[in-house]
Amino acid sequence: MRRYGVPEGVEFSDDLDPAHLVPPAGVFLVGVVDGTAVACGGVRRHDDTTGEVKRMYVVPEHRGNGHSRTVLRALEVRARAMGYRRLVLETGTMQPEAVALYEAEGYLPIAPFGAHRDSPSLRCFEKLL
């Protein structure tokens, strides 16, 4: 959990209910290469006009091949179709590749939000769709 900015000895809790990642207010996508799941990401409802990107992940051996960008762009398309006008997300300073991706895709820094808002390593972003 250190990679994700959770200090040693701190209990990690996850407030994500999988039911929030299904239509009509959410979606979860899986990227597949040669029949194997290699990437994923989801969007859940944050408020009436905003979706929240959750669980962006690419298996280590497939990183650097653009899979996260593909999943993120597909999530943006789905979010627009669900009526969201903005996406927000949380990441951290321990994931510089994620921060670089979001910045390259037009996400802008916003004030911290969510359960981990007081974490010094938390970085939050938004993008208008």
N, C-alpha and C. Protein backbone atom coordinates (compact mmCIF):
# COMPACT_ATOMS: atom_id res chain seq x y z
N MET A 1 0.81 -1.20 0.00
CA MET A 1 0.00 0.00 0.00
C MET A 1 0.86 1.26 0.00
N ARG A 2 2.15 1.10 0.29
CA ARG A 2 3.02 2.28 0.27
C ARG A 2 3.00 2.96 -1.09
N ARG A 3 2.98 2.17 -2.15
CA ARG A 3 2.98 2.74 -3.51
C ARG A 3 1.83 3.71 -3.70
N TYR A 4 0.75 3.51 -2.97
CA TYR A 4 -0.43 4.34 -3.13
C TYR A 4 -0.53 5.42 -2.06
N GLY A 5 0.55 5.64 -1.31
CA GLY A 5 0.59 6.74 -0.36
C GLY A 5 -0.05 6.44 0.98
N VAL A 6 -0.36 5.17 1.24
CA VAL A 6 -0.93 4.80 2.54
C VAL A 6 0.24 4.49 3.47
N PRO A 7 0.42 5.30 4.52
CA PRO A 7 1.56 5.09 5.42
C PRO A 7 1.51 3.74 6.11
N GLU A 8 2.67 3.24 6.46
CA GLU A 8 2.80 1.98 7.22
C GLU A 8 1.96 2.07 8.49
N GLY A 9 1.22 1.02 8.78
CA GLY A 9 0.42 0.97 10.00
C GLY A 9 -0.94 1.62 9.89
N VAL A 10 -1.24 2.25 8.76
CA VAL A 10 -2.55 2.87 8.58
C VAL A 10 -3.47 1.86 7.92
N GLU A 11 -4.64 1.67 8.50
CA GLU A 11 -5.60 0.73 7.93
C GLU A 11 -6.27 1.38 6.72
N PHE A 12 -6.35 0.64 5.64
CA PHE A 12 -6.94 1.14 4.41
C PHE A 12 -8.39 0.70 4.34
N SER A 13 -9.28 1.63 4.10
CA SER A 13 -10.68 1.27 3.92
C SER A 13 -11.11 1.71 2.53
N ASP A 14 -12.00 0.94 1.95
CA ASP A 14 -12.47 1.23 0.60
C ASP A 14 -13.96 1.47 0.65
N ASP A 15 -14.37 2.66 0.27
CA ASP A 15 -15.78 3.00 0.31
C ASP A 15 -16.47 2.74 -1.02
N LEU A 16 -15.83 2.01 -1.91
CA LEU A 16 -16.40 1.78 -3.24
C LEU A 16 -17.28 0.54 -3.24
N ASP A 17 -18.55 0.74 -3.50
CA ASP A 17 -19.50 -0.35 -3.65
C ASP A 17 -19.55 -0.70 -5.13
N PRO A 18 -19.27 -1.95 -5.50
CA PRO A 18 -19.30 -2.33 -6.92
C PRO A 18 -20.61 -1.99 -7.62
N ALA A 19 -21.70 -1.92 -6.87
CA ALA A 19 -22.99 -1.57 -7.46
C ALA A 19 -23.00 -0.15 -8.01
N HIS A 20 -22.06 0.69 -7.58
CA HIS A 20 -21.98 2.07 -8.07
C HIS A 20 -21.32 2.15 -9.45
N LEU A 21 -20.76 1.05 -9.92
CA LEU A 21 -20.05 1.05 -11.21
C LEU A 21 -20.86 0.38 -12.31
N VAL A 22 -22.17 0.37 -12.17
CA VAL A 22 -23.03 -0.22 -13.20
C VAL A 22 -24.04 0.83 -13.66
N PRO A 23 -24.52 0.69 -14.90
CA PRO A 23 -25.53 1.63 -15.41
C PRO A 23 -26.78 1.62 -14.52
N PRO A 24 -27.50 2.70 -14.46
CA PRO A 24 -27.39 3.85 -15.36
C PRO A 24 -26.44 4.94 -14.89
N ALA A 25 -25.95 4.89 -13.65
CA ALA A 25 -25.12 5.98 -13.13
C ALA A 25 -23.64 5.66 -13.10
N GLY A 26 -23.26 4.45 -13.51
CA GLY A 26 -21.86 4.07 -13.48
C GLY A 26 -21.53 3.10 -14.59
N VAL A 27 -20.24 2.83 -14.72
CA VAL A 27 -19.77 1.89 -15.74
C VAL A 27 -18.40 1.38 -15.31
N PHE A 28 -18.08 0.15 -15.68
CA PHE A 28 -16.76 -0.41 -15.44
C PHE A 28 -16.31 -1.08 -16.73
N LEU A 29 -15.14 -0.68 -17.23
CA LEU A 29 -14.62 -1.20 -18.50
C LEU A 29 -13.37 -2.03 -18.26
N VAL A 30 -13.20 -3.05 -19.06
CA VAL A 30 -12.02 -3.91 -19.00
C VAL A 30 -11.40 -3.95 -20.38
N GLY A 31 -10.10 -3.64 -20.45
CA GLY A 31 -9.35 -3.73 -21.69
C GLY A 31 -8.76 -5.12 -21.82
N VAL A 32 -8.94 -5.73 -22.98
CA VAL A 32 -8.51 -7.11 -23.21
C VAL A 32 -7.53 -7.15 -24.38
N VAL A 33 -6.44 -7.87 -24.21
CA VAL A 33 -5.46 -8.11 -25.27
C VAL A 33 -5.29 -9.62 -25.40
N ASP A 34 -5.53 -10.13 -26.59
CA ASP A 34 -5.39 -11.57 -26.85
C ASP A 34 -6.15 -12.41 -25.83
N GLY A 35 -7.36 -11.98 -25.49
CA GLY A 35 -8.19 -12.75 -24.57
C GLY A 35 -7.88 -12.59 -23.10
N THR A 36 -6.93 -11.72 -22.77
CA THR A 36 -6.53 -11.53 -21.37
C THR A 36 -6.84 -10.10 -20.93
N ALA A 37 -7.48 -9.96 -19.78
CA ALA A 37 -7.75 -8.64 -19.22
C ALA A 37 -6.43 -7.99 -18.81
N VAL A 38 -6.16 -6.80 -19.34
CA VAL A 38 -4.89 -6.12 -19.03
C VAL A 38 -5.09 -4.73 -18.44
N ALA A 39 -6.29 -4.17 -18.53
CA ALA A 39 -6.52 -2.81 -18.05
C ALA A 39 -7.98 -2.68 -17.63
N CYS A 40 -8.23 -1.73 -16.73
CA CYS A 40 -9.61 -1.50 -16.32
C CYS A 40 -9.76 -0.10 -15.76
N GLY A 41 -10.99 0.31 -15.63
CA GLY A 41 -11.33 1.58 -15.02
C GLY A 41 -12.83 1.73 -14.96
N GLY A 42 -13.28 2.58 -14.07
CA GLY A 42 -14.71 2.78 -13.92
C GLY A 42 -15.07 4.22 -13.67
N VAL A 43 -16.36 4.49 -13.76
CA VAL A 43 -16.92 5.80 -13.40
C VAL A 43 -18.13 5.52 -12.52
N ARG A 44 -18.22 6.28 -11.43
CA ARG A 44 -19.42 6.22 -10.58
C ARG A 44 -19.96 7.63 -10.43
N ARG A 45 -21.18 7.74 -9.96
CA ARG A 45 -21.82 9.04 -9.74
C ARG A 45 -21.12 9.75 -8.58
N HIS A 46 -20.76 11.00 -8.82
CA HIS A 46 -20.22 11.87 -7.76
C HIS A 46 -21.31 12.83 -7.30
N ASP A 47 -21.99 13.43 -8.27
CA ASP A 47 -23.20 14.22 -8.03
C ASP A 47 -24.01 14.21 -9.33
N ASP A 48 -25.06 14.99 -9.40
CA ASP A 48 -25.96 14.90 -10.57
C ASP A 48 -25.28 15.16 -11.90
N THR A 49 -24.25 15.99 -11.92
CA THR A 49 -23.61 16.33 -13.19
C THR A 49 -22.16 15.87 -13.28
N THR A 50 -21.70 15.15 -12.27
CA THR A 50 -20.28 14.79 -12.18
C THR A 50 -20.11 13.30 -11.93
N GLY A 51 -19.23 12.69 -12.72
CA GLY A 51 -18.83 11.31 -12.48
C GLY A 51 -17.44 11.29 -11.86
N GLU A 52 -17.14 10.21 -11.16
CA GLU A 52 -15.82 10.05 -10.54
C GLU A 52 -15.12 8.84 -11.13
N VAL A 53 -13.93 9.04 -11.67
CA VAL A 53 -13.12 7.95 -12.22
C VAL A 53 -12.58 7.13 -11.06
N LYS A 54 -12.74 5.82 -11.16
CA LYS A 54 -12.28 4.91 -10.11
C LYS A 54 -11.58 3.71 -10.73
N ARG A 55 -10.65 3.14 -9.99
CA ARG A 55 -10.01 1.86 -10.28
C ARG A 55 -9.31 1.76 -11.64
N MET A 56 -8.65 2.85 -12.02
CA MET A 56 -7.81 2.77 -13.22
C MET A 56 -6.62 1.88 -12.89
N TYR A 57 -6.39 0.87 -13.73
CA TYR A 57 -5.28 -0.05 -13.47
C TYR A 57 -4.88 -0.73 -14.77
N VAL A 58 -3.58 -0.91 -14.93
CA VAL A 58 -3.02 -1.70 -16.03
C VAL A 58 -2.03 -2.67 -15.41
N VAL A 59 -2.11 -3.95 -15.80
CA VAL A 59 -1.18 -4.93 -15.26
C VAL A 59 0.24 -4.51 -15.64
N PRO A 60 1.21 -4.72 -14.75
CA PRO A 60 2.57 -4.21 -14.97
C PRO A 60 3.18 -4.57 -16.33
N GLU A 61 3.00 -5.79 -16.78
CA GLU A 61 3.65 -6.19 -18.03
C GLU A 61 3.03 -5.55 -19.27
N HIS A 62 1.92 -4.83 -19.12
CA HIS A 62 1.29 -4.14 -20.26
C HIS A 62 1.35 -2.63 -20.13
N ARG A 63 2.06 -2.13 -19.14
CA ARG A 63 2.16 -0.68 -18.97
C ARG A 63 3.04 -0.09 -20.06
N GLY A 64 2.77 1.17 -20.39
CA GLY A 64 3.55 1.85 -21.41
C GLY A 64 3.06 1.60 -22.83
N ASN A 65 1.91 0.94 -22.97
CA ASN A 65 1.37 0.63 -24.29
C ASN A 65 0.11 1.43 -24.62
N GLY A 66 -0.23 2.41 -23.80
CA GLY A 66 -1.38 3.26 -24.07
C GLY A 66 -2.72 2.71 -23.60
N HIS A 67 -2.71 1.61 -22.87
CA HIS A 67 -3.97 1.02 -22.43
C HIS A 67 -4.73 1.93 -21.46
N SER A 68 -4.02 2.58 -20.55
CA SER A 68 -4.71 3.46 -19.60
C SER A 68 -5.36 4.64 -20.32
N ARG A 69 -4.68 5.18 -21.30
CA ARG A 69 -5.23 6.29 -22.09
C ARG A 69 -6.49 5.83 -22.84
N THR A 70 -6.44 4.63 -23.40
CA THR A 70 -7.59 4.09 -24.13
C THR A 70 -8.78 3.90 -23.19
N VAL A 71 -8.54 3.32 -22.02
CA VAL A 71 -9.62 3.12 -21.05
C VAL A 71 -10.17 4.47 -20.59
N LEU A 72 -9.30 5.42 -20.28
CA LEU A 72 -9.74 6.73 -19.80
C LEU A 72 -10.60 7.43 -20.84
N ARG A 73 -10.17 7.42 -22.09
CA ARG A 73 -10.96 8.06 -23.15
C ARG A 73 -12.31 7.37 -23.34
N ALA A 74 -12.33 6.06 -23.24
CA ALA A 74 -13.60 5.33 -23.35
C ALA A 74 -14.52 5.66 -22.17
N LEU A 75 -13.95 5.82 -20.98
CA LEU A 75 -14.75 6.22 -19.82
C LEU A 75 -15.34 7.61 -20.01
N GLU A 76 -14.57 8.52 -20.60
CA GLU A 76 -15.08 9.87 -20.86
C GLU A 76 -16.27 9.83 -21.81
N VAL A 77 -16.18 9.00 -22.85
CA VAL A 77 -17.29 8.86 -23.80
C VAL A 77 -18.53 8.33 -23.08
N ARG A 78 -18.34 7.29 -22.28
CA ARG A 78 -19.47 6.70 -21.54
C ARG A 78 -20.04 7.70 -20.55
N ALA A 79 -19.17 8.45 -19.87
CA ALA A 79 -19.64 9.44 -18.89
C ALA A 79 -20.51 10.50 -19.55
N ARG A 80 -20.08 10.99 -20.72
CA ARG A 80 -20.90 11.96 -21.46
C ARG A 80 -22.25 11.36 -21.81
N ALA A 81 -22.24 10.11 -22.26
CA ALA A 81 -23.49 9.44 -22.64
C ALA A 81 -24.42 9.25 -21.43
N MET A 82 -23.85 9.15 -20.23
CA MET A 82 -24.66 9.02 -19.01
C MET A 82 -25.15 10.39 -18.51
N GLY A 83 -24.73 11.46 -19.20
CA GLY A 83 -25.19 12.80 -18.84
C GLY A 83 -24.26 13.58 -17.94
N TYR A 84 -23.10 13.03 -17.63
CA TYR A 84 -22.15 13.77 -16.81
C TYR A 84 -21.48 14.85 -17.65
N ARG A 85 -21.28 16.01 -17.04
CA ARG A 85 -20.62 17.12 -17.72
C ARG A 85 -19.20 17.35 -17.20
N ARG A 86 -18.84 16.58 -16.16
CA ARG A 86 -17.52 16.75 -15.55
C ARG A 86 -17.11 15.42 -14.94
N LEU A 87 -15.81 15.14 -14.98
CA LEU A 87 -15.25 13.99 -14.29
C LEU A 87 -14.26 14.48 -13.25
N VAL A 88 -14.23 13.83 -12.10
CA VAL A 88 -13.24 14.10 -11.07
C VAL A 88 -12.54 12.78 -10.74
N LEU A 89 -11.38 12.89 -10.12
CA LEU A 89 -10.66 11.67 -9.73
C LEU A 89 -9.66 11.99 -8.64
N GLU A 90 -9.27 10.94 -7.94
CA GLU A 90 -8.22 11.01 -6.93
C GLU A 90 -7.06 10.13 -7.39
N THR A 91 -5.86 10.63 -7.20
CA THR A 91 -4.65 9.82 -7.38
C THR A 91 -3.65 10.32 -6.35
N GLY A 92 -2.40 9.98 -6.51
CA GLY A 92 -1.44 10.42 -5.51
C GLY A 92 -0.07 10.68 -6.09
N THR A 93 0.75 11.32 -5.29
CA THR A 93 2.11 11.65 -5.72
C THR A 93 2.96 10.40 -5.93
N MET A 94 2.53 9.27 -5.35
CA MET A 94 3.28 8.03 -5.51
C MET A 94 2.99 7.36 -6.86
N GLN A 95 2.10 7.94 -7.64
CA GLN A 95 1.78 7.42 -8.98
C GLN A 95 2.06 8.49 -10.03
N PRO A 96 3.34 8.83 -10.24
CA PRO A 96 3.65 9.91 -11.18
C PRO A 96 3.18 9.62 -12.60
N GLU A 97 3.13 8.35 -12.98
CA GLU A 97 2.65 8.00 -14.32
C GLU A 97 1.17 8.36 -14.45
N ALA A 98 0.39 8.12 -13.41
CA ALA A 98 -1.04 8.45 -13.44
C ALA A 98 -1.22 9.97 -13.50
N VAL A 99 -0.48 10.70 -12.68
CA VAL A 99 -0.57 12.15 -12.69
C VAL A 99 -0.25 12.67 -14.09
N ALA A 100 0.81 12.16 -14.70
CA ALA A 100 1.20 12.60 -16.05
C ALA A 100 0.11 12.29 -17.07
N LEU A 101 -0.50 11.11 -16.97
CA LEU A 101 -1.59 10.76 -17.89
C LEU A 101 -2.74 11.74 -17.76
N TYR A 102 -3.20 11.97 -16.55
CA TYR A 102 -4.36 12.84 -16.36
C TYR A 102 -4.07 14.26 -16.83
N GLU A 103 -2.88 14.77 -16.54
CA GLU A 103 -2.52 16.11 -17.01
C GLU A 103 -2.47 16.15 -18.53
N ALA A 104 -1.89 15.13 -19.16
CA ALA A 104 -1.80 15.08 -20.62
C ALA A 104 -3.18 14.99 -21.27
N GLU A 105 -4.14 14.41 -20.56
CA GLU A 105 -5.49 14.27 -21.09
C GLU A 105 -6.40 15.45 -20.73
N GLY A 106 -5.82 16.51 -20.19
CA GLY A 106 -6.57 17.73 -19.94
C GLY A 106 -7.22 17.86 -18.58
N TYR A 107 -6.86 17.00 -17.65
CA TYR A 107 -7.39 17.11 -16.29
C TYR A 107 -6.63 18.19 -15.55
N LEU A 108 -7.36 18.98 -14.76
CA LEU A 108 -6.78 20.09 -14.02
C LEU A 108 -6.88 19.83 -12.52
N PRO A 109 -5.88 20.29 -11.75
CA PRO A 109 -5.91 20.08 -10.30
C PRO A 109 -7.10 20.78 -9.64
N ILE A 110 -7.68 20.11 -8.64
CA ILE A 110 -8.76 20.69 -7.83
C ILE A 110 -8.45 20.41 -6.36
N ALA A 111 -9.23 21.03 -5.49
CA ALA A 111 -9.07 20.81 -4.05
C ALA A 111 -9.34 19.35 -3.71
N PRO A 112 -8.62 18.82 -2.73
CA PRO A 112 -8.84 17.43 -2.32
C PRO A 112 -10.29 17.18 -1.89
N PHE A 113 -10.77 15.97 -2.17
CA PHE A 113 -12.11 15.57 -1.76
C PHE A 113 -12.05 14.09 -1.38
N GLY A 114 -13.13 13.60 -0.84
CA GLY A 114 -13.23 12.17 -0.56
C GLY A 114 -12.68 11.78 0.80
N ALA A 115 -12.69 10.49 1.04
CA ALA A 115 -12.31 9.93 2.33
C ALA A 115 -10.86 10.20 2.70
N HIS A 116 -10.00 10.40 1.72
CA HIS A 116 -8.57 10.56 1.98
C HIS A 116 -8.11 12.01 1.77
N ARG A 117 -9.04 12.95 1.85
CA ARG A 117 -8.74 14.36 1.52
C ARG A 117 -7.62 14.97 2.36
N ASP A 118 -7.36 14.40 3.53
CA ASP A 118 -6.31 14.95 4.40
C ASP A 118 -4.94 14.33 4.15
N SER A 119 -4.86 13.38 3.26
CA SER A 119 -3.58 12.73 2.97
C SER A 119 -2.67 13.70 2.21
N PRO A 120 -1.44 13.90 2.67
CA PRO A 120 -0.54 14.83 1.99
C PRO A 120 -0.14 14.37 0.59
N SER A 121 -0.30 13.08 0.29
CA SER A 121 0.08 12.60 -1.03
C SER A 121 -1.08 12.60 -2.03
N LEU A 122 -2.28 12.97 -1.58
CA LEU A 122 -3.45 12.95 -2.46
C LEU A 122 -3.40 14.08 -3.47
N ARG A 123 -3.74 13.76 -4.71
CA ARG A 123 -3.90 14.75 -5.76
C ARG A 123 -5.24 14.49 -6.43
N CYS A 124 -6.05 15.54 -6.56
CA CYS A 124 -7.36 15.41 -7.18
C CYS A 124 -7.40 16.26 -8.45
N PHE A 125 -8.14 15.77 -9.43
CA PHE A 125 -8.22 16.42 -10.73
C PHE A 125 -9.66 16.43 -11.22
N GLU A 126 -9.93 17.33 -12.19
CA GLU A 126 -11.22 17.36 -12.85
C GLU A 126 -11.02 17.64 -14.33
N LYS A 127 -12.03 17.24 -15.10
CA LYS A 127 -12.06 17.56 -16.52
C LYS A 127 -13.50 17.83 -16.91
N LEU A 128 -13.71 18.94 -17.59
CA LEU A 128 -15.03 19.23 -18.13
C LEU A 128 -15.20 18.45 -19.42
N LEU A 129 -16.33 17.82 -19.56
CA LEU A 129 -16.57 16.98 -20.74
C LEU A 129 -17.29 17.74 -21.84
